[in-house]
């Protein structure tokens, strides 16, 4: 078991993912929420992980809590809000890819406040992870993220940030301001190609990565889907080739990449090795339906890397 300790925060969700059965009328129940997916991915690679969030006092919240415990994730920092509900979402699939339909407005996680942050947990971690969704779900959630980031920085804890832009949650102008601020504060930035082209208008991977560095990120891992990834810092630049796979559902693949990448950095990997490992984990996660169920364990990832 790894001695690395990672804390993630954000909004967990229960997922209903469309399968190909009965003309698309069957849905597979699973779990999602970008930072929760991240936490599972890191835990399955061997990291010690705690999760900060809030759940409703409902069956979906109980399901999420049991899932984290089954994964070995510490859920003692997840509060129960009896006045709110646990968010859910549906995923459908067609020739244009996968599509999300969320039921999350006023969810328990969106009602989290800075005073809900646990004492001492972030300060003990090696890395704190949050995302654009963590920032977007409400003003109080955003304030809570900024408070958590300040605690991390005061304690020399790495700050990891995934852009995860969701246009349904806020305007592009609001998103641009907060995401740029988050990148300026983070040590490791994990943007996706689509997010960054929307935010910056840029269309060149190297220029996008350089923009993130200029805003303040120390390491940038630009995720480009079937085009691979670009990993950079002030002194290094690595193109990670796409990994051969048989994709059926890309839900959660970016979160899998992020969780695997941060864990490997915590374990001391160089940027290139961490990028190859994370890209392989993400590719494997696309080969089955759902955000969490297909996330591979470290043995699966290492076996696929050896095959290559």
C-alpha atoms as a PDB file:
ATOM      1  CA  UNK A   1       0.000   0.000   0.000  1.00  0.00           C
ATOM      2  CA  UNK A   2       1.249   3.477  -0.865  1.00  0.00           C
ATOM      3  CA  UNK A   3       2.244   5.927   1.832  1.00  0.00           C
ATOM      4  CA  UNK A   4       1.072   8.808  -0.422  1.00  0.00           C
ATOM      5  CA  UNK A   5      -2.005  10.559   0.940  1.00  0.00           C
ATOM      6  CA  UNK A   6      -4.390  12.341  -1.460  1.00  0.00           C
ATOM      7  CA  UNK A   7      -7.466  14.359  -0.490  1.00  0.00           C
ATOM      8  CA  UNK A   8     -10.143  15.082  -3.101  1.00  0.00           C
ATOM      9  CA  UNK A   9     -13.180  17.346  -2.787  1.00  0.00           C
ATOM     10  CA  UNK A  10     -16.273  17.993  -4.888  1.00  0.00           C
ATOM     11  CA  UNK A  11     -19.656  16.599  -5.845  1.00  0.00           C
ATOM     12  CA  UNK A  12     -20.273  12.837  -5.957  1.00  0.00           C
ATOM     13  CA  UNK A  13     -23.165  11.487  -7.994  1.00  0.00           C
ATOM     14  CA  UNK A  14     -25.059   8.285  -8.667  1.00  0.00           C
ATOM     15  CA  UNK A  15     -24.981   7.344 -12.346  1.00  0.00           C
ATOM     16  CA  UNK A  16     -27.442   5.667 -14.700  1.00  0.00           C
ATOM     17  CA  UNK A  17     -25.593   4.734 -17.886  1.00  0.00           C
ATOM     18  CA  UNK A  18     -27.437   3.639 -21.014  1.00  0.00           C
ATOM     19  CA  UNK A  19     -26.504   0.228 -22.362  1.00  0.00           C
ATOM     20  CA  UNK A  20     -27.207  -1.157 -25.814  1.00  0.00           C
ATOM     21  CA  UNK A  21     -29.899  -3.502 -24.537  1.00  0.00           C
ATOM     22  CA  UNK A  22     -33.648  -3.251 -25.240  1.00  0.00           C
ATOM     23  CA  UNK A  23     -33.226  -0.411 -27.754  1.00  0.00           C
ATOM     24  CA  UNK A  24     -31.425   1.739 -25.220  1.00  0.00           C
ATOM     25  CA  UNK A  25     -34.084   1.447 -22.515  1.00  0.00           C
ATOM     26  CA  UNK A  26     -31.814  -0.368 -20.059  1.00  0.00           C
ATOM     27  CA  UNK A  27     -29.558   1.710 -17.812  1.00  0.00           C
ATOM     28  CA  UNK A  28     -26.702   0.406 -15.688  1.00  0.00           C
ATOM     29  CA  UNK A  29     -26.586   1.924 -12.208  1.00  0.00           C
ATOM     30  CA  UNK A  30     -23.145   3.077 -11.177  1.00  0.00           C
ATOM     31  CA  UNK A  31     -21.361   6.019  -9.620  1.00  0.00           C
ATOM     32  CA  UNK A  32     -19.859   9.254 -10.872  1.00  0.00           C
ATOM     33  CA  UNK A  33     -18.899  12.767 -10.018  1.00  0.00           C
ATOM     34  CA  UNK A  34     -15.519  13.823 -11.356  1.00  0.00           C
ATOM     35  CA  UNK A  35     -13.565  14.121  -8.117  1.00  0.00           C
ATOM     36  CA  UNK A  36     -15.149  10.963  -6.711  1.00  0.00           C
ATOM     37  CA  UNK A  37     -14.055   9.147  -9.874  1.00  0.00           C
ATOM     38  CA  UNK A  38     -10.595  10.649  -9.351  1.00  0.00           C
ATOM     39  CA  UNK A  39     -10.547   9.339  -5.778  1.00  0.00           C
ATOM     40  CA  UNK A  40     -11.463   5.817  -6.903  1.00  0.00           C
ATOM     41  CA  UNK A  41      -8.826   5.882  -9.643  1.00  0.00           C
ATOM     42  CA  UNK A  42      -6.119   6.958  -7.198  1.00  0.00           C
ATOM     43  CA  UNK A  43      -7.232   4.377  -4.621  1.00  0.00           C
ATOM     44  CA  UNK A  44      -7.205   1.535  -7.160  1.00  0.00           C
ATOM     45  CA  UNK A  45      -3.612   2.418  -8.007  1.00  0.00           C
ATOM     46  CA  UNK A  46      -2.692   2.065  -4.327  1.00  0.00           C
ATOM     47  CA  UNK A  47      -3.054   5.585  -2.945  1.00  0.00           C
ATOM     48  CA  UNK A  48      -4.451   6.402   0.468  1.00  0.00           C
ATOM     49  CA  UNK A  49      -7.390   8.716  -0.225  1.00  0.00           C
ATOM     50  CA  UNK A  50      -9.862  10.839   1.735  1.00  0.00           C
ATOM     51  CA  UNK A  51     -12.906  12.509   0.214  1.00  0.00           C
ATOM     52  CA  UNK A  52     -14.498  15.815   1.289  1.00  0.00           C
ATOM     53  CA  UNK A  53     -18.121  16.421   0.313  1.00  0.00           C
ATOM     54  CA  UNK A  54     -21.745  16.256   1.469  1.00  0.00           C
ATOM     55  CA  UNK A  55     -24.555  13.797   0.793  1.00  0.00           C
ATOM     56  CA  UNK A  56     -28.288  13.783   1.271  1.00  0.00           C
ATOM     57  CA  UNK A  57     -29.830  11.515   3.867  1.00  0.00           C
ATOM     58  CA  UNK A  58     -31.181   9.238   1.149  1.00  0.00           C
ATOM     59  CA  UNK A  59     -30.537   5.835  -0.469  1.00  0.00           C
ATOM     60  CA  UNK A  60     -28.236   7.321  -3.122  1.00  0.00           C
ATOM     61  CA  UNK A  61     -26.031   8.888  -0.455  1.00  0.00           C
ATOM     62  CA  UNK A  62     -25.853   5.576   1.362  1.00  0.00           C
ATOM     63  CA  UNK A  63     -24.864   3.840  -1.875  1.00  0.00           C
ATOM     64  CA  UNK A  64     -22.024   6.288  -2.469  1.00  0.00           C
ATOM     65  CA  UNK A  65     -20.745   5.981   1.083  1.00  0.00           C
ATOM     66  CA  UNK A  66     -20.700   2.175   0.812  1.00  0.00           C
ATOM     67  CA  UNK A  67     -18.914   2.386  -2.547  1.00  0.00           C
ATOM     68  CA  UNK A  68     -16.134   4.544  -1.041  1.00  0.00           C
ATOM     69  CA  UNK A  69     -15.728   2.167   1.868  1.00  0.00           C
ATOM     70  CA  UNK A  70     -15.539  -0.782  -0.517  1.00  0.00           C
ATOM     71  CA  UNK A  71     -12.775   1.087  -2.373  1.00  0.00           C
ATOM     72  CA  UNK A  72     -10.861   1.813   0.817  1.00  0.00           C
ATOM     73  CA  UNK A  73     -11.546   5.564   0.600  1.00  0.00           C
ATOM     74  CA  UNK A  74     -11.907   7.438   3.895  1.00  0.00           C
ATOM     75  CA  UNK A  75     -15.396   8.981   3.958  1.00  0.00           C
ATOM     76  CA  UNK A  76     -15.199  10.464   7.461  1.00  0.00           C
ATOM     77  CA  UNK A  77     -14.976  13.967   5.918  1.00  0.00           C
ATOM     78  CA  UNK A  78     -18.296  13.553   4.068  1.00  0.00           C
ATOM     79  CA  UNK A  79     -21.146  15.232   5.935  1.00  0.00           C
ATOM     80  CA  UNK A  80     -24.852  14.357   5.765  1.00  0.00           C
ATOM     81  CA  UNK A  81     -27.248  17.182   4.945  1.00  0.00           C
ATOM     82  CA  UNK A  82     -30.795  16.042   5.820  1.00  0.00           C
ATOM     83  CA  UNK A  83     -32.300  19.057   4.033  1.00  0.00           C
ATOM     84  CA  UNK A  84     -30.749  18.317   0.631  1.00  0.00           C
ATOM     85  CA  UNK A  85     -30.436  15.394  -1.782  1.00  0.00           C
ATOM     86  CA  UNK A  86     -27.668  13.384  -3.399  1.00  0.00           C
ATOM     87  CA  UNK A  87     -27.231  14.289  -7.062  1.00  0.00           C
ATOM     88  CA  UNK A  88     -27.807  11.807  -9.916  1.00  0.00           C
ATOM     89  CA  UNK A  89     -27.198  11.840 -13.661  1.00  0.00           C
ATOM     90  CA  UNK A  90     -27.954   9.851 -16.788  1.00  0.00           C
ATOM     91  CA  UNK A  91     -25.599   9.013 -19.667  1.00  0.00           C
ATOM     92  CA  UNK A  92     -26.904   8.236 -23.154  1.00  0.00           C
ATOM     93  CA  UNK A  93     -24.931   7.122 -26.205  1.00  0.00           C
ATOM     94  CA  UNK A  94     -25.276   7.668 -29.943  1.00  0.00           C
ATOM     95  CA  UNK A  95     -23.090   8.100 -33.023  1.00  0.00           C
ATOM     96  CA  UNK A  96     -21.906  11.471 -31.693  1.00  0.00           C
ATOM     97  CA  UNK A  97     -20.592   9.977 -28.451  1.00  0.00           C
ATOM     98  CA  UNK A  98     -21.920  10.142 -24.904  1.00  0.00           C
ATOM     99  CA  UNK A  99     -24.304  12.755 -23.497  1.00  0.00           C
ATOM    100  CA  UNK A 100     -24.973  13.711 -19.883  1.00  0.00           C
ATOM    101  CA  UNK A 101     -28.233  14.734 -18.210  1.00  0.00           C
ATOM    102  CA  UNK A 102     -27.789  15.970 -14.645  1.00  0.00           C
ATOM    103  CA  UNK A 103     -30.172  16.322 -11.710  1.00  0.00           C
ATOM    104  CA  UNK A 104     -28.010  18.256  -9.281  1.00  0.00           C
ATOM    105  CA  UNK A 105     -29.353  21.774  -8.621  1.00  0.00           C
ATOM    106  CA  UNK A 106     -29.264  22.436  -4.847  1.00  0.00           C
ATOM    107  CA  UNK A 107     -27.681  19.056  -4.152  1.00  0.00           C
ATOM    108  CA  UNK A 108     -26.148  18.394  -0.744  1.00  0.00           C
ATOM    109  CA  UNK A 109     -22.634  18.820  -2.169  1.00  0.00           C
ATOM    110  CA  UNK A 110     -23.553  22.225  -3.598  1.00  0.00           C
ATOM    111  CA  UNK A 111     -24.602  23.360  -0.111  1.00  0.00           C
ATOM    112  CA  UNK A 112     -21.180  22.707   1.426  1.00  0.00           C
ATOM    113  CA  UNK A 113     -19.634  25.661   3.280  1.00  0.00           C
ATOM    114  CA  UNK A 114     -16.092  26.542   4.368  1.00  0.00           C
ATOM    115  CA  UNK A 115     -16.933  25.617   7.974  1.00  0.00           C
ATOM    116  CA  UNK A 116     -17.617  22.065   6.763  1.00  0.00           C
ATOM    117  CA  UNK A 117     -13.940  21.549   5.956  1.00  0.00           C
ATOM    118  CA  UNK A 118     -12.403  18.974   8.304  1.00  0.00           C
ATOM    119  CA  UNK A 119      -9.684  20.072  10.660  1.00  0.00           C
ATOM    120  CA  UNK A 120      -6.194  18.803   9.946  1.00  0.00           C
ATOM    121  CA  UNK A 121      -6.975  16.467   7.051  1.00  0.00           C
ATOM    122  CA  UNK A 122      -5.793  18.635   4.163  1.00  0.00           C
ATOM    123  CA  UNK A 123      -2.690  19.707   6.060  1.00  0.00           C
ATOM    124  CA  UNK A 124      -1.583  16.054   6.391  1.00  0.00           C
ATOM    125  CA  UNK A 125      -1.992  15.229   2.701  1.00  0.00           C
ATOM    126  CA  UNK A 126       0.582  15.043  -0.065  1.00  0.00           C
ATOM    127  CA  UNK A 127      -1.914  16.469  -2.573  1.00  0.00           C
ATOM    128  CA  UNK A 128      -5.319  18.177  -2.592  1.00  0.00           C
ATOM    129  CA  UNK A 129      -7.455  17.720  -5.703  1.00  0.00           C
ATOM    130  CA  UNK A 130     -10.477  19.723  -6.898  1.00  0.00           C
ATOM    131  CA  UNK A 131     -12.039  20.683 -10.219  1.00  0.00           C
ATOM    132  CA  UNK A 132     -14.002  23.189 -12.235  1.00  0.00           C
ATOM    133  CA  UNK A 133     -17.162  21.374 -11.190  1.00  0.00           C
ATOM    134  CA  UNK A 134     -16.170  21.681  -7.527  1.00  0.00           C
ATOM    135  CA  UNK A 135     -16.031  25.452  -8.141  1.00  0.00           C
ATOM    136  CA  UNK A 136     -19.144  25.730 -10.302  1.00  0.00           C
ATOM    137  CA  UNK A 137     -21.862  24.008  -8.301  1.00  0.00           C
ATOM    138  CA  UNK A 138     -22.452  27.002  -5.981  1.00  0.00           C
ATOM    139  CA  UNK A 139     -20.899  30.105  -4.496  1.00  0.00           C
ATOM    140  CA  UNK A 140     -20.481  28.435  -1.106  1.00  0.00           C
ATOM    141  CA  UNK A 141     -18.815  25.435  -2.717  1.00  0.00           C
ATOM    142  CA  UNK A 142     -16.445  27.795  -4.517  1.00  0.00           C
ATOM    143  CA  UNK A 143     -15.616  29.572  -1.257  1.00  0.00           C
ATOM    144  CA  UNK A 144     -14.974  26.181   0.334  1.00  0.00           C
ATOM    145  CA  UNK A 145     -12.559  25.264  -2.461  1.00  0.00           C
ATOM    146  CA  UNK A 146     -10.603  28.492  -2.057  1.00  0.00           C
ATOM    147  CA  UNK A 147     -10.386  27.922   1.708  1.00  0.00           C
ATOM    148  CA  UNK A 148      -9.151  24.353   1.137  1.00  0.00           C
ATOM    149  CA  UNK A 149      -6.558  25.523  -1.395  1.00  0.00           C
ATOM    150  CA  UNK A 150      -5.248  28.119   1.050  1.00  0.00           C
ATOM    151  CA  UNK A 151      -4.899  25.475   3.742  1.00  0.00           C
ATOM    152  CA  UNK A 152      -3.008  23.269   1.307  1.00  0.00           C
ATOM    153  CA  UNK A 153      -0.655  26.018   0.225  1.00  0.00           C
ATOM    154  CA  UNK A 154      -0.011  27.083   3.822  1.00  0.00           C
ATOM    155  CA  UNK A 155       1.051  23.484   4.548  1.00  0.00           C
ATOM    156  CA  UNK A 156       3.142  22.929   1.374  1.00  0.00           C
ATOM    157  CA  UNK A 157       0.597  20.402   0.093  1.00  0.00           C
ATOM    158  CA  UNK A 158       0.439  20.009  -3.678  1.00  0.00           C
ATOM    159  CA  UNK A 159      -2.699  21.476  -5.260  1.00  0.00           C
ATOM    160  CA  UNK A 160      -4.098  19.503  -8.199  1.00  0.00           C
ATOM    161  CA  UNK A 161      -6.802  21.006 -10.435  1.00  0.00           C
ATOM    162  CA  UNK A 162      -8.837  19.519 -13.298  1.00  0.00           C
ATOM    163  CA  UNK A 163     -10.644  22.116 -15.430  1.00  0.00           C
ATOM    164  CA  UNK A 164     -13.743  19.951 -16.111  1.00  0.00           C
ATOM    165  CA  UNK A 165     -15.767  22.753 -17.649  1.00  0.00           C
ATOM    166  CA  UNK A 166     -19.552  22.263 -17.495  1.00  0.00           C
ATOM    167  CA  UNK A 167     -21.354  25.016 -19.393  1.00  0.00           C
ATOM    168  CA  UNK A 168     -24.706  24.088 -17.803  1.00  0.00           C
ATOM    169  CA  UNK A 169     -23.412  25.164 -14.397  1.00  0.00           C
ATOM    170  CA  UNK A 170     -22.143  28.674 -15.159  1.00  0.00           C
ATOM    171  CA  UNK A 171     -21.446  31.128 -17.939  1.00  0.00           C
ATOM    172  CA  UNK A 172     -18.238  30.892 -19.907  1.00  0.00           C
ATOM    173  CA  UNK A 173     -17.189  34.271 -18.506  1.00  0.00           C
ATOM    174  CA  UNK A 174     -17.670  33.107 -14.912  1.00  0.00           C
ATOM    175  CA  UNK A 175     -15.888  29.868 -15.686  1.00  0.00           C
ATOM    176  CA  UNK A 176     -12.966  31.633 -17.333  1.00  0.00           C
ATOM    177  CA  UNK A 177     -12.319  33.831 -14.278  1.00  0.00           C
ATOM    178  CA  UNK A 178     -12.498  31.056 -11.684  1.00  0.00           C
ATOM    179  CA  UNK A 179     -10.654  28.449 -13.750  1.00  0.00           C
ATOM    180  CA  UNK A 180      -7.823  30.862 -14.490  1.00  0.00           C
ATOM    181  CA  UNK A 181      -7.617  31.659 -10.775  1.00  0.00           C
ATOM    182  CA  UNK A 182      -7.487  27.958  -9.928  1.00  0.00           C
ATOM    183  CA  UNK A 183      -4.727  27.352 -12.480  1.00  0.00           C
ATOM    184  CA  UNK A 184      -2.765  30.248 -11.000  1.00  0.00           C
ATOM    185  CA  UNK A 185      -2.924  28.570  -7.579  1.00  0.00           C
ATOM    186  CA  UNK A 186      -2.316  24.945  -8.528  1.00  0.00           C
ATOM    187  CA  UNK A 187       0.884  22.957  -8.709  1.00  0.00           C
ATOM    188  CA  UNK A 188      -0.512  20.408 -11.164  1.00  0.00           C
ATOM    189  CA  UNK A 189      -3.037  21.431 -13.806  1.00  0.00           C
ATOM    190  CA  UNK A 190      -5.038  18.698 -15.557  1.00  0.00           C
ATOM    191  CA  UNK A 191      -6.959  20.447 -18.346  1.00  0.00           C
ATOM    192  CA  UNK A 192      -8.744  18.822 -21.266  1.00  0.00           C
ATOM    193  CA  UNK A 193      -8.422  19.966 -24.853  1.00  0.00           C
ATOM    194  CA  UNK A 194     -12.118  20.867 -25.229  1.00  0.00           C
ATOM    195  CA  UNK A 195     -12.147  22.858 -21.985  1.00  0.00           C
ATOM    196  CA  UNK A 196      -9.103  24.902 -22.868  1.00  0.00           C
ATOM    197  CA  UNK A 197     -10.136  25.692 -26.429  1.00  0.00           C
ATOM    198  CA  UNK A 198     -13.461  26.964 -25.048  1.00  0.00           C
ATOM    199  CA  UNK A 199     -11.807  29.007 -22.311  1.00  0.00           C
ATOM    200  CA  UNK A 200      -8.875  30.437 -24.266  1.00  0.00           C
ATOM    201  CA  UNK A 201      -9.852  30.182 -27.936  1.00  0.00           C
ATOM    202  CA  UNK A 202      -6.431  28.610 -28.580  1.00  0.00           C
ATOM    203  CA  UNK A 203      -6.066  25.667 -30.954  1.00  0.00           C
ATOM    204  CA  UNK A 204      -2.478  24.525 -30.440  1.00  0.00           C
ATOM    205  CA  UNK A 205      -1.604  22.062 -27.658  1.00  0.00           C
ATOM    206  CA  UNK A 206       1.815  23.531 -26.924  1.00  0.00           C
ATOM    207  CA  UNK A 207       0.431  27.053 -26.794  1.00  0.00           C
ATOM    208  CA  UNK A 208      -2.377  25.933 -24.460  1.00  0.00           C
ATOM    209  CA  UNK A 209       0.089  24.233 -22.135  1.00  0.00           C
ATOM    210  CA  UNK A 210       2.328  27.300 -22.153  1.00  0.00           C
ATOM    211  CA  UNK A 211      -0.672  29.470 -21.309  1.00  0.00           C
ATOM    212  CA  UNK A 212      -1.365  27.353 -18.228  1.00  0.00           C
ATOM    213  CA  UNK A 213       2.285  27.629 -17.190  1.00  0.00           C
ATOM    214  CA  UNK A 214       2.187  31.392 -17.644  1.00  0.00           C
ATOM    215  CA  UNK A 215      -0.869  31.581 -15.372  1.00  0.00           C
ATOM    216  CA  UNK A 216       1.082  29.847 -12.609  1.00  0.00           C
ATOM    217  CA  UNK A 217       0.730  26.054 -12.918  1.00  0.00           C
ATOM    218  CA  UNK A 218       3.982  24.184 -12.224  1.00  0.00           C
ATOM    219  CA  UNK A 219       3.047  21.026 -14.177  1.00  0.00           C
ATOM    220  CA  UNK A 220       0.476  20.780 -16.971  1.00  0.00           C
ATOM    221  CA  UNK A 221      -0.970  17.484 -18.228  1.00  0.00           C
ATOM    222  CA  UNK A 222      -3.160  18.387 -21.211  1.00  0.00           C
ATOM    223  CA  UNK A 223      -5.582  15.536 -21.945  1.00  0.00           C
ATOM    224  CA  UNK A 224      -6.429  15.210 -25.632  1.00  0.00           C
ATOM    225  CA  UNK A 225      -8.569  12.057 -25.802  1.00  0.00           C
ATOM    226  CA  UNK A 226      -7.670   9.844 -28.741  1.00  0.00           C
ATOM    227  CA  UNK A 227      -4.801  12.202 -29.561  1.00  0.00           C
ATOM    228  CA  UNK A 228      -2.939  11.306 -26.362  1.00  0.00           C
ATOM    229  CA  UNK A 229      -1.600  13.819 -23.872  1.00  0.00           C
ATOM    230  CA  UNK A 230       0.986  16.566 -23.541  1.00  0.00           C
ATOM    231  CA  UNK A 231       2.904  16.778 -20.248  1.00  0.00           C
ATOM    232  CA  UNK A 232       5.014  19.874 -19.576  1.00  0.00           C
ATOM    233  CA  UNK A 233       6.743  21.883 -16.913  1.00  0.00           C
ATOM    234  CA  UNK A 234       9.222  24.737 -17.145  1.00  0.00           C
ATOM    235  CA  UNK A 235      12.006  22.394 -18.281  1.00  0.00           C
ATOM    236  CA  UNK A 236      10.377  19.341 -19.884  1.00  0.00           C
ATOM    237  CA  UNK A 237       7.866  18.609 -22.638  1.00  0.00           C
ATOM    238  CA  UNK A 238       6.568  15.107 -23.388  1.00  0.00           C
ATOM    239  CA  UNK A 239       4.072  13.930 -25.984  1.00  0.00           C
ATOM    240  CA  UNK A 240       2.278  10.820 -24.760  1.00  0.00           C
ATOM    241  CA  UNK A 241       1.000   8.752 -27.658  1.00  0.00           C
ATOM    242  CA  UNK A 242      -2.585   7.436 -27.511  1.00  0.00           C
ATOM    243  CA  UNK A 243      -2.914   3.928 -26.102  1.00  0.00           C
ATOM    244  CA  UNK A 244      -4.529   1.238 -28.256  1.00  0.00           C
ATOM    245  CA  UNK A 245      -7.893   0.206 -26.848  1.00  0.00           C
ATOM    246  CA  UNK A 246     -11.431  -0.807 -27.825  1.00  0.00           C
ATOM    247  CA  UNK A 247     -13.502   2.093 -26.437  1.00  0.00           C
ATOM    248  CA  UNK A 248     -17.236   1.839 -25.813  1.00  0.00           C
ATOM    249  CA  UNK A 249     -17.751   4.582 -23.198  1.00  0.00           C
ATOM    250  CA  UNK A 250     -15.371   7.436 -22.346  1.00  0.00           C
ATOM    251  CA  UNK A 251     -17.293   8.481 -19.213  1.00  0.00           C
ATOM    252  CA  UNK A 252     -14.765   9.163 -16.455  1.00  0.00           C
ATOM    253  CA  UNK A 253     -11.681   8.517 -18.583  1.00  0.00           C
ATOM    254  CA  UNK A 254     -10.240  11.955 -17.881  1.00  0.00           C
ATOM    255  CA  UNK A 255     -10.820  11.508 -14.154  1.00  0.00           C
ATOM    256  CA  UNK A 256      -9.073   8.129 -14.307  1.00  0.00           C
ATOM    257  CA  UNK A 257      -6.105   9.766 -16.011  1.00  0.00           C
ATOM    258  CA  UNK A 258      -5.970  12.465 -13.338  1.00  0.00           C
ATOM    259  CA  UNK A 259      -6.198  10.102 -10.365  1.00  0.00           C
ATOM    260  CA  UNK A 260      -3.549   7.790 -11.778  1.00  0.00           C
ATOM    261  CA  UNK A 261      -1.253  10.669 -12.763  1.00  0.00           C
ATOM    262  CA  UNK A 262      -1.336  12.383  -9.358  1.00  0.00           C
ATOM    263  CA  UNK A 263      -0.765   9.103  -7.547  1.00  0.00           C
ATOM    264  CA  UNK A 264       2.251   8.249  -9.695  1.00  0.00           C
ATOM    265  CA  UNK A 265       3.731  11.720  -9.134  1.00  0.00           C
ATOM    266  CA  UNK A 266       3.222  11.266  -5.390  1.00  0.00           C
ATOM    267  CA  UNK A 267       5.098   7.971  -5.692  1.00  0.00           C
ATOM    268  CA  UNK A 268       8.044   9.745  -7.300  1.00  0.00           C
ATOM    269  CA  UNK A 269       7.585   8.948 -11.003  1.00  0.00           C
ATOM    270  CA  UNK A 270       9.051  11.323 -13.562  1.00  0.00           C
ATOM    271  CA  UNK A 271       6.608  13.230 -15.763  1.00  0.00           C
ATOM    272  CA  UNK A 272       6.881  10.912 -18.761  1.00  0.00           C
ATOM    273  CA  UNK A 273       6.438   7.693 -16.785  1.00  0.00           C
ATOM    274  CA  UNK A 274       3.479   9.133 -14.895  1.00  0.00           C
ATOM    275  CA  UNK A 275       1.942  10.265 -18.186  1.00  0.00           C
ATOM    276  CA  UNK A 276       2.298   6.848 -19.824  1.00  0.00           C
ATOM    277  CA  UNK A 277       0.834   5.132 -16.778  1.00  0.00           C
ATOM    278  CA  UNK A 278      -2.113   7.557 -16.563  1.00  0.00           C
ATOM    279  CA  UNK A 279      -2.840   7.348 -20.297  1.00  0.00           C
ATOM    280  CA  UNK A 280      -2.896   3.562 -20.101  1.00  0.00           C
ATOM    281  CA  UNK A 281      -5.261   3.596 -17.119  1.00  0.00           C
ATOM    282  CA  UNK A 282      -7.581   6.032 -18.929  1.00  0.00           C
ATOM    283  CA  UNK A 283      -7.604   3.909 -22.091  1.00  0.00           C
ATOM    284  CA  UNK A 284      -8.542   0.769 -20.161  1.00  0.00           C
ATOM    285  CA  UNK A 285     -11.377   2.663 -18.445  1.00  0.00           C
ATOM    286  CA  UNK A 286     -13.072   3.325 -21.809  1.00  0.00           C
ATOM    287  CA  UNK A 287     -13.486  -0.369 -22.624  1.00  0.00           C
ATOM    288  CA  UNK A 288     -16.617  -0.878 -20.482  1.00  0.00           C
ATOM    289  CA  UNK A 289     -19.674   1.178 -19.521  1.00  0.00           C
ATOM    290  CA  UNK A 290     -19.801   3.530 -16.557  1.00  0.00           C
ATOM    291  CA  UNK A 291     -17.525   5.995 -14.812  1.00  0.00           C
ATOM    292  CA  UNK A 292     -16.327   3.851 -11.894  1.00  0.00           C
ATOM    293  CA  UNK A 293     -16.777   0.164 -12.697  1.00  0.00           C
ATOM    294  CA  UNK A 294     -14.199   0.129 -15.565  1.00  0.00           C
ATOM    295  CA  UNK A 295     -11.472   2.036 -13.685  1.00  0.00           C
ATOM    296  CA  UNK A 296      -8.541  -0.401 -13.692  1.00  0.00           C
ATOM    297  CA  UNK A 297      -6.414  -1.559 -10.800  1.00  0.00           C
ATOM    298  CA  UNK A 298      -2.678  -1.091 -10.858  1.00  0.00           C
ATOM    299  CA  UNK A 299      -2.062  -4.739 -11.865  1.00  0.00           C
ATOM    300  CA  UNK A 300      -4.186  -4.256 -14.991  1.00  0.00           C
ATOM    301  CA  UNK A 301      -2.386  -1.057 -15.919  1.00  0.00           C
ATOM    302  CA  UNK A 302       1.066  -2.540 -15.463  1.00  0.00           C
ATOM    303  CA  UNK A 303       0.102  -5.607 -17.474  1.00  0.00           C
ATOM    304  CA  UNK A 304      -1.084  -3.461 -20.375  1.00  0.00           C
ATOM    305  CA  UNK A 305       2.093  -1.378 -20.287  1.00  0.00           C
ATOM    306  CA  UNK A 306       4.202  -4.559 -20.458  1.00  0.00           C
ATOM    307  CA  UNK A 307       2.176  -5.832 -23.412  1.00  0.00           C
ATOM    308  CA  UNK A 308       2.997  -2.650 -25.290  1.00  0.00           C
END
